[in-house]
Protein backbone atom coordinates (compact mmCIF):
# COMPACT_ATOMS: atom_id res chain seq x y z
CA MET A 1 -210.19 72.25 57.78
CA PRO A 2 -207.81 74.06 55.38
CA THR A 3 -204.48 74.77 56.91
CA GLY A 4 -201.37 76.72 55.64
CA THR A 5 -197.70 75.84 55.77
CA VAL A 6 -194.67 76.93 57.96
CA HIS A 7 -191.39 77.28 55.77
CA LEU A 8 -188.29 77.17 57.81
CA ILE A 9 -186.02 79.63 55.84
CA PRO A 10 -182.20 79.58 56.68
CA ASN A 11 -180.46 82.84 56.85
CA VAL A 12 -176.96 83.57 55.95
CA LEU A 13 -174.16 83.14 58.69
CA CYS A 14 -172.16 86.00 57.48
CA GLU A 15 -172.68 89.23 55.28
CA ASP A 16 -170.99 87.76 52.21
CA GLY A 17 -172.50 84.23 52.59
CA ILE A 18 -175.46 84.59 50.39
CA TYR A 19 -173.82 82.18 47.86
CA VAL A 20 -174.64 79.12 50.18
CA ILE A 21 -178.34 79.61 49.84
CA PRO A 22 -179.93 77.32 47.22
CA ASN A 23 -181.24 79.02 44.13
CA TYR A 24 -184.70 77.84 44.41
CA MET A 25 -184.90 79.78 47.67
CA LYS A 26 -185.29 83.05 45.53
CA ALA A 27 -188.68 82.14 44.14
CA LEU A 28 -189.93 80.83 47.54
CA VAL A 29 -188.98 83.84 49.52
CA THR A 30 -190.47 86.17 46.97
CA GLU A 31 -193.78 84.40 47.23
CA ILE A 32 -194.05 84.52 51.14
CA LYS A 33 -195.96 87.39 52.33
CA ILE A 34 -196.06 86.68 56.18
CA TRP A 35 -192.96 86.21 58.21
CA TYR A 36 -192.03 85.24 61.82
CA VAL A 37 -188.59 86.35 62.34
CA GLU A 38 -186.01 86.58 65.12
CA ASP A 39 -184.78 89.97 64.10
CA LEU A 40 -186.47 92.44 61.68
CA LYS A 41 -183.32 94.23 60.57
CA SER A 42 -181.53 90.99 59.52
CA ALA A 43 -184.65 89.36 57.94
CA ARG A 44 -185.41 92.54 55.69
CA ARG A 45 -181.70 92.65 54.75
CA PHE A 46 -181.80 88.87 53.81
CA LEU A 47 -184.83 89.20 51.61
CA LYS A 48 -183.44 92.22 49.77
CA LYS A 49 -180.38 90.23 49.02
CA MET A 50 -182.22 87.44 47.73
CA ASN A 51 -184.44 89.59 45.47
CA ARG A 52 -184.07 93.32 45.24
CA GLU A 53 -187.68 93.60 43.69
CA ILE A 54 -189.28 92.32 46.92
CA ILE A 55 -191.43 95.31 48.34
CA ILE A 56 -190.64 95.10 52.09
CA ASP A 57 -193.76 97.30 53.05
CA ASP A 58 -196.09 94.82 51.52
CA LEU A 59 -194.89 92.02 53.98
CA THR A 60 -196.24 91.34 57.40
CA PHE A 61 -193.46 90.69 59.94
CA TYR A 62 -193.99 89.14 63.38
CA VAL A 63 -191.08 89.05 65.91
CA LEU A 64 -190.55 85.73 67.59
CA ASN A 65 -187.35 85.34 69.79
CA GLU A 66 -186.41 84.67 73.33
CA HIS A 67 -187.79 88.04 74.55
CA GLU A 68 -190.86 88.12 72.51
CA ASN A 69 -193.29 85.45 71.75
CA GLU A 70 -196.84 87.21 71.99
CA SER A 71 -197.00 87.02 68.21
CA LEU A 72 -197.72 83.34 68.29
CA GLN A 73 -201.29 84.13 69.20
CA PHE A 74 -201.84 85.20 65.50
CA ALA A 75 -200.27 82.35 63.82
CA LYS A 76 -203.15 79.87 64.41
CA LYS A 77 -205.60 82.08 62.36
CA ILE A 78 -202.98 82.73 59.69
CA LEU A 79 -202.55 78.83 59.19
CA LEU A 80 -206.25 78.20 59.41
CA ASP A 81 -206.79 80.64 56.66
CA GLY A 82 -204.50 78.63 54.47
CA ASN A 83 -201.55 81.04 54.34
CA GLU A 84 -197.89 80.34 54.10
CA ILE A 85 -195.54 81.46 56.76
CA GLY A 86 -191.94 81.89 56.63
CA MET A 87 -189.87 81.54 59.74
CA MET A 88 -186.38 82.98 59.68
CA SER A 89 -183.61 83.25 62.35
CA GLU A 90 -181.20 86.23 62.63
CA SER A 91 -178.63 83.73 61.10
CA GLY A 92 -178.38 80.10 60.24
CA CYS A 93 -181.41 77.42 60.62
CA PRO A 94 -184.46 78.39 62.56
CA GLY A 95 -185.27 75.77 65.30
CA VAL A 96 -181.62 74.79 65.60
CA ALA A 97 -180.35 76.60 68.49
CA ASP A 98 -182.41 79.60 67.32
CA PRO A 99 -186.21 80.44 67.66
CA GLY A 100 -188.78 78.64 65.64
CA SER A 101 -189.67 75.44 67.46
CA GLU A 102 -192.81 77.01 69.18
CA LEU A 103 -194.27 77.94 65.82
CA VAL A 104 -193.38 74.46 64.43
CA ALA A 105 -194.95 72.71 67.37
CA LEU A 106 -198.11 74.83 66.86
CA ALA A 107 -198.26 73.92 63.12
CA HIS A 108 -197.99 70.33 63.88
CA GLU A 109 -200.66 70.59 66.56
CA MET A 110 -203.05 71.96 63.98
CA GLY A 111 -202.13 69.49 61.27
CA ALA A 112 -200.36 72.26 59.19
CA SER A 113 -197.50 71.39 56.90
CA VAL A 114 -194.01 71.97 58.02
CA LYS A 115 -191.25 72.39 55.33
CA PRO A 116 -187.56 72.90 56.60
CA HIS A 117 -185.28 74.11 53.77
CA VAL A 118 -181.60 73.57 53.04
CA GLY A 119 -179.15 76.21 54.25
CA PRO A 120 -176.05 76.82 56.39
CA ASN A 121 -175.89 75.75 60.04
CA SER A 122 -172.71 76.49 62.06
CA ILE A 123 -173.05 73.64 64.43
CA LEU A 124 -173.24 70.99 61.71
CA LEU A 125 -170.50 72.69 59.68
CA THR A 126 -168.22 72.65 62.61
CA LEU A 127 -169.06 68.87 63.24
CA MET A 128 -168.30 68.18 59.76
CA GLY A 129 -165.02 69.84 59.78
CA SER A 130 -164.00 68.57 63.22
CA GLY A 131 -163.03 64.92 62.47
CA PHE A 132 -165.03 64.09 65.70
CA ASN A 133 -167.45 61.38 66.07
CA GLY A 134 -170.31 62.14 63.64
CA GLN A 135 -172.45 59.20 64.96
CA HIS A 136 -172.66 60.39 68.55
CA PHE A 137 -172.67 64.21 69.25
CA THR A 138 -174.38 66.71 71.59
CA PHE A 139 -174.82 70.35 71.40
CA HIS A 140 -175.16 72.10 74.65
CA GLY A 141 -175.80 75.77 73.78
CA TYR A 142 -174.15 78.35 75.87
CA LEU A 143 -172.07 77.17 78.98
CA PRO A 144 -172.14 78.96 82.24
CA ASN A 145 -170.30 82.15 82.09
CA LYS A 146 -169.52 82.37 85.90
CA GLN A 147 -167.00 80.66 87.84
CA PRO A 148 -166.75 77.83 89.25
CA PHE A 149 -169.55 76.80 87.18
CA LEU A 150 -167.85 77.22 83.79
CA THR A 151 -164.81 75.11 84.72
CA GLN A 152 -167.04 72.43 86.15
CA LYS A 153 -169.19 72.27 83.20
CA ILE A 154 -166.12 71.99 80.96
CA GLN A 155 -164.65 69.35 83.06
CA ALA A 156 -168.03 67.36 82.91
CA LEU A 157 -168.34 67.53 79.22
CA GLU A 158 -164.67 66.22 78.73
CA LYS A 159 -165.40 63.39 81.31
CA GLU A 160 -168.50 62.44 79.49
CA SER A 161 -166.78 62.46 76.09
CA MET A 162 -164.03 60.25 77.49
CA GLN A 163 -166.78 57.74 78.88
CA THR A 164 -169.12 57.62 75.93
CA SER A 165 -166.88 58.94 72.87
CA CYS A 166 -169.55 61.54 72.38
CA ALA A 167 -168.40 64.85 70.64
CA MET A 168 -169.52 67.85 72.75
CA PHE A 169 -170.38 71.11 71.04
CA PHE A 170 -171.22 74.41 72.47
CA ILE A 171 -171.18 78.18 71.75
CA GLU A 172 -170.41 81.50 73.43
CA THR A 173 -171.19 85.18 73.00
CA PRO A 174 -168.46 86.30 70.63
CA TYR A 175 -167.02 88.88 72.81
CA ARG A 176 -166.24 86.13 75.36
CA ASN A 177 -164.58 83.81 72.87
CA HIS A 178 -160.95 84.29 74.12
CA GLN A 179 -161.97 83.98 77.81
CA LEU A 180 -163.76 80.54 77.04
CA LEU A 181 -160.66 79.33 74.98
CA THR A 182 -158.48 80.20 77.87
CA GLU A 183 -160.45 78.24 80.36
CA ILE A 184 -160.77 75.24 78.06
CA ILE A 185 -157.01 75.14 77.66
CA LYS A 186 -156.49 75.58 81.55
CA CYS A 187 -158.67 72.91 82.72
CA CYS A 188 -158.65 70.07 79.99
CA HIS A 189 -156.33 67.25 79.52
CA PRO A 190 -153.48 68.04 76.87
CA GLU A 191 -154.57 65.15 74.60
CA THR A 192 -158.30 66.21 74.49
CA MET A 193 -159.28 67.41 71.07
CA LEU A 194 -160.63 70.98 70.74
CA CYS A 195 -162.15 72.19 67.62
CA ILE A 196 -163.25 75.86 66.80
CA GLY A 197 -165.21 76.84 63.72
CA ILE A 198 -165.04 80.47 63.18
CA ASP A 199 -166.67 82.91 60.71
CA LEU A 200 -168.06 79.85 58.85
CA THR A 201 -169.09 80.38 55.17
CA SER A 202 -167.11 83.69 55.05
CA ALA A 203 -164.01 84.70 53.39
CA ASP A 204 -162.23 84.45 56.70
CA GLU A 205 -163.56 81.13 57.57
CA LYS A 206 -161.60 78.92 59.79
CA ILE A 207 -161.82 75.47 61.32
CA ILE A 208 -159.06 74.34 63.57
CA SER A 209 -159.15 70.96 65.30
CA VAL A 210 -156.16 69.96 67.33
CA PRO A 211 -155.26 68.58 71.03
CA ILE A 212 -155.29 71.01 73.70
CA LYS A 213 -151.43 70.83 74.11
CA ARG A 214 -151.19 72.42 70.48
CA TRP A 215 -153.91 75.16 71.36
CA LYS A 216 -151.42 76.35 73.98
CA THR A 217 -149.00 77.43 71.24
CA THR A 218 -151.65 78.41 68.72
CA GLU A 219 -152.27 82.14 68.15
CA LEU A 220 -155.68 82.91 67.36
CA SER A 221 -157.62 86.15 67.14
CA PHE A 222 -161.51 85.67 67.01
CA HIS A 223 -162.77 88.38 69.28
CA LYS A 224 -166.49 89.18 68.52
CA LYS A 225 -166.47 86.64 65.72
CA PRO A 226 -169.20 84.00 65.66
CA ALA A 227 -167.73 80.60 66.76
CA VAL A 228 -168.63 77.06 67.61
CA PHE A 229 -166.62 75.02 70.05
CA GLY A 230 -166.38 71.20 70.12
CA LEU A 231 -164.59 68.90 72.63
CA PHE A 232 -163.68 65.28 71.85
CA VAL A 233 -161.62 62.64 73.74
CA LYS A 234 -160.24 60.04 71.38
CA LYS A 235 -160.08 56.45 72.81
C-alpha cells in the first residue's frame, strides 16, 4: 500500500536567523503542499522567507499543538494517498520539546517515511556551548512555577547532577526568566555551574556558563527573551 512522507522542517529561532537553515531546504519547502504546523502565522512567515514565490493560498495547513490535535485524523489518508507532509514548529525543531511526535508516531505505525531535516535547536546549541557533560544530559522541559515546588525541583536537579554527573537542562516562559534565575541563585550551591543560552542564532545571542557564585554579581537583562537553562555539578 503506497504511503507518503513526513518531513520534519526546522523553523528559525529568531527573526534574523534564516541564515542557519540549510540551502537545500528552499527547494524542499517549495515542493511541499500540505503542512502540519504549531502556529499558522510563524509557518507562513517562514515559508515566505525561504521563497517569496511560494503562494500561501495554494497550500493546505493543519494546526497541531498542545491545544489542537484533531487534525491528526486527516493525516492517515494524506499519507495513504502518497502525499508529502511538512511538520513545522513555531521555532526550532519539531518533535524536540515541540509538537510533532504524534504525527511521526502515526507515520511509523503506517510504515510511511519520516525524514528529519537539519536546523537550529536551542537545547542542543546551549548544551554545545555550556562546557557541561555532553555524554550524559537530560532535558526537563518547564519546571513548576509555584512554590515550594520550584525550589524543590531545582534542588532535586542539582542533587541528581551531583550524584550522576548528568547535565540538567530546562526552559521557562520568557517573561519569568528573571524569577527563575533569582530562585536558582538563591537555592543552589555556590560552585554549581549554571549555563544560560539566550536569543540563540540572533545578533544578540549570549551563552554564559559560570558558577552560581559568579551569577550573584553578573548583570543580565533577558526579560521576554527565549532562553535555555542548564545546571551541572562538576566532580
